[in-house]
Structure formats: structure tokens, C-alpha cells
C-alpha atoms as a PDB file:
ATOM      1  CA  MET A   1      13.598 -10.865  -7.916  1.00  0.00           C
ATOM      2  CA  ASN A   2      11.714 -14.139  -7.665  1.00  0.00           C
ATOM      3  CA  ARG A   3       8.122 -13.514  -8.841  1.00  0.00           C
ATOM      4  CA  SER A   4       6.702 -16.359  -6.748  1.00  0.00           C
ATOM      5  CA  LEU A   5       8.063 -14.689  -3.623  1.00  0.00           C
ATOM      6  CA  VAL A   6       6.299 -11.445  -4.474  1.00  0.00           C
ATOM      7  CA  LYS A   7       3.007 -13.239  -5.156  1.00  0.00           C
ATOM      8  CA  ALA A   8       3.291 -15.084  -1.854  1.00  0.00           C
ATOM      9  CA  GLY A   9       3.511 -11.914   0.193  1.00  0.00           C
ATOM     10  CA  CYS A  10       7.032 -10.617  -0.408  1.00  0.00           C
ATOM     11  CA  ARG A  11       9.027 -13.166   1.580  1.00  0.00           C
ATOM     12  CA  TRP A  12      12.726 -12.672   0.937  1.00  0.00           C
ATOM     13  CA  PRO A  13      15.277 -15.473   0.422  1.00  0.00           C
ATOM     14  CA  HIS A  14      17.888 -13.386   2.264  1.00  0.00           C
ATOM     15  CA  PRO A  15      17.838 -10.540   4.779  1.00  0.00           C
ATOM     16  CA  LEU A  16      17.899  -7.090   3.197  1.00  0.00           C
ATOM     17  CA  THR A  17      20.778  -4.868   4.123  1.00  0.00           C
ATOM     18  CA  GLN A  18      20.758  -1.098   3.982  1.00  0.00           C
ATOM     19  CA  ASN A  19      22.955  -1.032   0.849  1.00  0.00           C
ATOM     20  CA  ARG A  20      21.202  -3.865  -0.960  1.00  0.00           C
ATOM     21  CA  SER A  21      17.764  -2.280  -0.512  1.00  0.00           C
ATOM     22  CA  LEU A  22      18.619   1.209  -1.736  1.00  0.00           C
ATOM     23  CA  TYR A  23      17.908   0.485  -5.386  1.00  0.00           C
ATOM     24  CA  ARG A  24      14.769  -1.545  -4.703  1.00  0.00           C
ATOM     25  CA  PHE A  25      12.779   0.842  -2.528  1.00  0.00           C
ATOM     26  CA  ARG A  26      11.715   3.933  -4.362  1.00  0.00           C
ATOM     27  CA  HIS A  27       9.080   6.573  -3.719  1.00  0.00           C
ATOM     28  CA  ASP A  28       6.434   7.113  -6.362  1.00  0.00           C
ATOM     29  CA  PRO A  29       7.930   9.629  -8.826  1.00  0.00           C
ATOM     30  CA  ASN A  30       4.513  11.267  -9.446  1.00  0.00           C
ATOM     31  CA  PRO A  31       2.833  11.535  -6.024  1.00  0.00           C
ATOM     32  CA  GLU A  32       0.633  14.480  -7.008  1.00  0.00           C
ATOM     33  CA  LYS A  33      -0.820  12.776 -10.079  1.00  0.00           C
ATOM     34  CA  GLY A  34      -4.316  11.532  -9.515  1.00  0.00           C
ATOM     35  CA  GLY A  35      -7.784  12.964  -9.236  1.00  0.00           C
ATOM     36  CA  VAL A  36      -9.435   9.577  -9.445  1.00  0.00           C
ATOM     37  CA  ASP A  37     -13.190   9.993  -9.921  1.00  0.00           C
ATOM     38  CA  SER A  38     -14.086   6.485  -8.767  1.00  0.00           C
ATOM     39  CA  ILE A  39     -12.047   6.780  -5.571  1.00  0.00           C
ATOM     40  CA  VAL A  40     -13.616   8.919  -2.869  1.00  0.00           C
ATOM     41  CA  ALA A  41     -12.890   9.440   0.798  1.00  0.00           C
ATOM     42  CA  PRO A  42     -15.236   7.760   3.256  1.00  0.00           C
ATOM     43  CA  GLN A  43     -17.514  10.177   5.080  1.00  0.00           C
ATOM     44  CA  ASP A  44     -15.729  11.504   8.152  1.00  0.00           C
ATOM     45  CA  LYS A  45     -17.955  12.182  11.142  1.00  0.00           C
ATOM     46  CA  THR A  46     -15.306  13.852  13.283  1.00  0.00           C
ATOM     47  CA  SER A  47     -12.575  16.272  12.354  1.00  0.00           C
ATOM     48  CA  ALA A  48     -10.370  14.834  15.094  1.00  0.00           C
ATOM     49  CA  ALA A  49     -10.068  11.596  13.122  1.00  0.00           C
ATOM     50  CA  SER A  50      -8.227  13.397  10.332  1.00  0.00           C
ATOM     51  CA  ALA A  51      -5.374  14.177  12.755  1.00  0.00           C
ATOM     52  CA  GLU A  52      -4.663  10.467  13.280  1.00  0.00           C
ATOM     53  CA  ALA A  53      -1.548   9.054  11.651  1.00  0.00           C
ATOM     54  CA  ILE A  54      -1.448   5.515  10.284  1.00  0.00           C
ATOM     55  CA  VAL A  55       1.944   4.028  11.201  1.00  0.00           C
ATOM     56  CA  CYS A  56       3.898   0.848  10.548  1.00  0.00           C
ATOM     57  CA  ARG A  57       3.178  -1.616  13.369  1.00  0.00           C
ATOM     58  CA  GLN A  58       6.782  -2.828  13.349  1.00  0.00           C
ATOM     59  CA  CYS A  59       8.749   0.452  13.543  1.00  0.00           C
ATOM     60  CA  LEU A  60       6.079   3.176  14.094  1.00  0.00           C
ATOM     61  CA  HIS A  61       7.165   5.081  10.968  1.00  0.00           C
ATOM     62  CA  VAL A  62       4.321   7.275   9.633  1.00  0.00           C
ATOM     63  CA  ILE A  63       2.873   5.684   6.488  1.00  0.00           C
ATOM     64  CA  THR A  64      -0.286   7.692   5.764  1.00  0.00           C
ATOM     65  CA  SER A  65      -3.162   9.371   7.598  1.00  0.00           C
ATOM     66  CA  TYR A  66      -6.819   8.755   8.322  1.00  0.00           C
ATOM     67  CA  ALA A  67      -7.692  11.568   5.906  1.00  0.00           C
ATOM     68  CA  GLU A  68      -6.195   9.542   3.028  1.00  0.00           C
ATOM     69  CA  ARG A  69      -8.757   6.690   3.362  1.00  0.00           C
ATOM     70  CA  ARG A  70     -10.562   5.830   0.125  1.00  0.00           C
ATOM     71  CA  VAL A  71     -13.484   3.716  -1.001  1.00  0.00           C
ATOM     72  CA  ILE A  72     -12.562   1.349  -3.839  1.00  0.00           C
ATOM     73  CA  ASN A  73     -15.202  -0.861  -5.481  1.00  0.00           C
ATOM     74  CA  GLY A  74     -17.700   0.166  -2.802  1.00  0.00           C
ATOM     75  CA  ALA A  75     -15.583  -0.430   0.318  1.00  0.00           C
ATOM     76  CA  HIS A  76     -12.601   0.940   2.222  1.00  0.00           C
ATOM     77  CA  ALA A  77     -11.577  -2.539   3.482  1.00  0.00           C
ATOM     78  CA  HIS A  78     -11.356  -5.717   1.410  1.00  0.00           C
ATOM     79  CA  THR A  79     -10.523  -9.340   2.260  1.00  0.00           C
ATOM     80  CA  LEU A  80      -8.656 -10.935  -0.641  1.00  0.00           C
ATOM     81  CA  ALA A  81      -6.503 -14.007  -1.321  1.00  0.00           C
ATOM     82  CA  ASN A  82      -3.443 -14.226  -3.543  1.00  0.00           C
ATOM     83  CA  PRO A  83      -2.785 -17.199  -5.892  1.00  0.00           C
ATOM     84  CA  GLU A  84      -0.885 -18.986  -3.108  1.00  0.00           C
ATOM     85  CA  GLY A  85      -4.028 -18.914  -0.938  1.00  0.00           C
ATOM     86  CA  ILE A  86      -2.686 -16.336   1.525  1.00  0.00           C
ATOM     87  CA  VAL A  87      -5.562 -14.149   2.711  1.00  0.00           C
ATOM     88  CA  PHE A  88      -5.035 -10.426   3.268  1.00  0.00           C
ATOM     89  CA  GLU A  89      -7.358  -7.827   4.738  1.00  0.00           C
ATOM     90  CA  ILE A  90      -6.395  -4.570   3.094  1.00  0.00           C
ATOM     91  CA  ALA A  91      -7.521  -1.008   3.641  1.00  0.00           C
ATOM     92  CA  CYS A  92      -7.405   1.502   0.787  1.00  0.00           C
ATOM     93  CA  TYR A  93      -5.598   4.847   0.989  1.00  0.00           C
ATOM     94  CA  ARG A  94      -4.843   7.501  -1.603  1.00  0.00           C
ATOM     95  CA  ASN A  95      -1.331   8.617  -0.632  1.00  0.00           C
ATOM     96  CA  ALA A  96       1.068   6.606   1.494  1.00  0.00           C
ATOM     97  CA  TRP A  97       4.207   8.723   1.700  1.00  0.00           C
ATOM     98  CA  GLY A  98       5.852   6.258   4.099  1.00  0.00           C
ATOM     99  CA  CYS A  99       5.889   3.519   1.452  1.00  0.00           C
ATOM    100  CA  GLY A 100       8.579   2.515  -1.005  1.00  0.00           C
ATOM    101  CA  TYR A 101       7.966   0.142  -3.909  1.00  0.00           C
ATOM    102  CA  VAL A 102       9.615  -3.103  -4.965  1.00  0.00           C
ATOM    103  CA  GLY A 103       9.979  -4.388  -8.507  1.00  0.00           C
ATOM    104  CA  PRO A 104       8.159  -3.553 -11.709  1.00  0.00           C
ATOM    105  CA  ALA A 105       4.399  -3.137 -12.012  1.00  0.00           C
ATOM    106  CA  SER A 106       2.495  -6.345 -12.735  1.00  0.00           C
ATOM    107  CA  ALA A 107      -0.975  -7.020 -14.117  1.00  0.00           C
ATOM    108  CA  GLU A 108      -0.814 -10.679 -13.022  1.00  0.00           C
ATOM    109  CA  PHE A 109      -3.460 -11.689 -10.478  1.00  0.00           C
ATOM    110  CA  THR A 110      -4.586  -8.110  -9.867  1.00  0.00           C
ATOM    111  CA  TRP A 111      -7.426  -7.751  -7.384  1.00  0.00           C
ATOM    112  CA  PHE A 112      -8.726  -4.592  -9.059  1.00  0.00           C
ATOM    113  CA  ALA A 113      -9.610  -4.757 -12.763  1.00  0.00           C
ATOM    114  CA  GLY A 114      -7.722  -2.245 -14.879  1.00  0.00           C
ATOM    115  CA  TYR A 115      -4.998  -1.709 -12.252  1.00  0.00           C
ATOM    116  CA  VAL A 116      -1.424  -2.985 -12.123  1.00  0.00           C
ATOM    117  CA  TRP A 117       0.292  -3.462  -8.776  1.00  0.00           C
ATOM    118  CA  ARG A 118       3.683  -3.135  -7.110  1.00  0.00           C
ATOM    119  CA  VAL A 119       4.654  -4.368  -3.670  1.00  0.00           C
ATOM    120  CA  ALA A 120       4.671  -1.541  -1.094  1.00  0.00           C
ATOM    121  CA  VAL A 121       7.047  -1.655   1.870  1.00  0.00           C
ATOM    122  CA  CYS A 122       7.821   0.603   4.817  1.00  0.00           C
ATOM    123  CA  VAL A 123      10.692   2.889   3.795  1.00  0.00           C
ATOM    124  CA  ASN A 124      12.070   2.704   7.338  1.00  0.00           C
ATOM    125  CA  CYS A 125      12.089  -1.035   8.191  1.00  0.00           C
ATOM    126  CA  HIS A 126      11.246  -2.580   4.779  1.00  0.00           C
ATOM    127  CA  VAL A 127       8.390  -4.739   6.071  1.00  0.00           C
ATOM    128  CA  HIS A 128       5.818  -5.631   3.391  1.00  0.00           C
ATOM    129  CA  LEU A 129       2.834  -3.298   3.970  1.00  0.00           C
ATOM    130  CA  GLY A 130       0.712  -3.986   0.889  1.00  0.00           C
ATOM    131  CA  TRP A 131       0.501  -2.870  -2.714  1.00  0.00           C
ATOM    132  CA  HIS A 132       0.433   0.262  -4.835  1.00  0.00           C
ATOM    133  CA  PHE A 133      -2.274  -0.061  -7.512  1.00  0.00           C
ATOM    134  CA  SER A 134      -2.146   2.175 -10.575  1.00  0.00           C
ATOM    135  CA  ALA A 135      -4.190   2.505 -13.754  1.00  0.00           C
ATOM    136  CA  PRO A 136      -3.727   4.336 -17.040  1.00  0.00           C
ATOM    137  CA  GLY A 137      -4.141   8.081 -16.774  1.00  0.00           C
ATOM    138  CA  GLY A 138      -2.305   8.364 -13.442  1.00  0.00           C
ATOM    139  CA  HIS A 139      -5.061   6.940 -11.236  1.00  0.00           C
ATOM    140  CA  PHE A 140      -3.655   5.149  -8.186  1.00  0.00           C
ATOM    141  CA  PHE A 141      -4.271   4.048  -4.604  1.00  0.00           C
ATOM    142  CA  HIS A 142      -2.608   1.918  -1.947  1.00  0.00           C
ATOM    143  CA  GLY A 143      -4.042  -1.336  -0.618  1.00  0.00           C
ATOM    144  CA  LEU A 144      -2.341  -1.660   2.774  1.00  0.00           C
ATOM    145  CA  ILE A 145      -2.475  -4.752   4.983  1.00  0.00           C
ATOM    146  CA  ALA A 146      -4.582  -3.755   7.983  1.00  0.00           C
ATOM    147  CA  SER A 147      -2.776  -5.998  10.489  1.00  0.00           C
ATOM    148  CA  ARG A 148       0.573  -4.358   9.670  1.00  0.00           C
ATOM    149  CA  LEU A 149      -0.607  -0.844  10.522  1.00  0.00           C
ATOM    150  CA  ILE A 150      -1.752   0.910  13.671  1.00  0.00           C
ATOM    151  CA  VAL A 151      -3.424   4.278  14.320  1.00  0.00           C
ATOM    152  CA  LYS A 152      -1.455   6.818  16.321  1.00  0.00           C
ATOM    153  CA  ASP A 153      -2.825  10.158  17.531  1.00  0.00           C
ATOM    154  CA  THR A 154      -0.701  13.076  16.361  1.00  0.00           C
END
């Protein structure tokens, strides 16, 4: 895979087909690993909010839930730019079971010190949704692009 394409927001030189993508999109093999002390859920004021699903804007596949929101480096949402100058507003979530991951983990240009990242995509339509950040000891979270997700009541 072309590294510059990944850094620029996961633009593909060719359309992905069902067969071609099977080996590239994998679920996290250790989804239960975690217990990150520095990552906490934002304070929820209503229990109804926890029933809301966060879905892919393109195909409406369930990606995560409101209850999975996390505060990373003091905020749930961050506005960040990659080395190509593309600006992303990401929201942080613990688990994102609707994501698959592309390519090997990279420490290049990480937005969060001590974490490596992998591109996260929707397992249903393969649109780039953000990144999976992981650190030694099994600590991880997802930085998902806010404009590529919508909230859906369950």
C-alpha cells in the first residue's frame, strides 16, 4: 500500500472490490484488552443518550455507540491536520466494532504521543472513518472523523 495515500486520508488508486478488500480489513484481534487509566468517558447527563448508535454516514452501518465516547488529552473532540495539510475533526471512542483496519501500525506523524495508528474503515462500505490508536500494554482508542458519522436513535 502506498504510504503517502494513507497519510493523505486513505485515498485509493483503484476501487476496492469485495475480494480485494478481504485481506486488508480486519477486526481488532484483542477487542477486550484495555482498561486505559488516562481515557475516561465524558460525563453523561442523560441515560437516553447511551442508547444512541453512532453509524457510518455513507451506509448507516453501526460503528460504535454514544456510551463508548472517551476523553483523550482533555477533550472528546480534536481538530488536527496530517502532514499533507488535510484537517480532520475527530471524536474519540473506546470500542468501534463497526471498524476494520488497513495496513500495519505506524508511529509516523502520530497525533497522540506514545500511540501508533492504523487507518480505520467501515467494515460494510470501506469508507475511511478515522484511525485506531494503540499504545504498549494494550491501551487503545479510536479517533473517528466526525463528519463521516451520524447519530441514530436505537
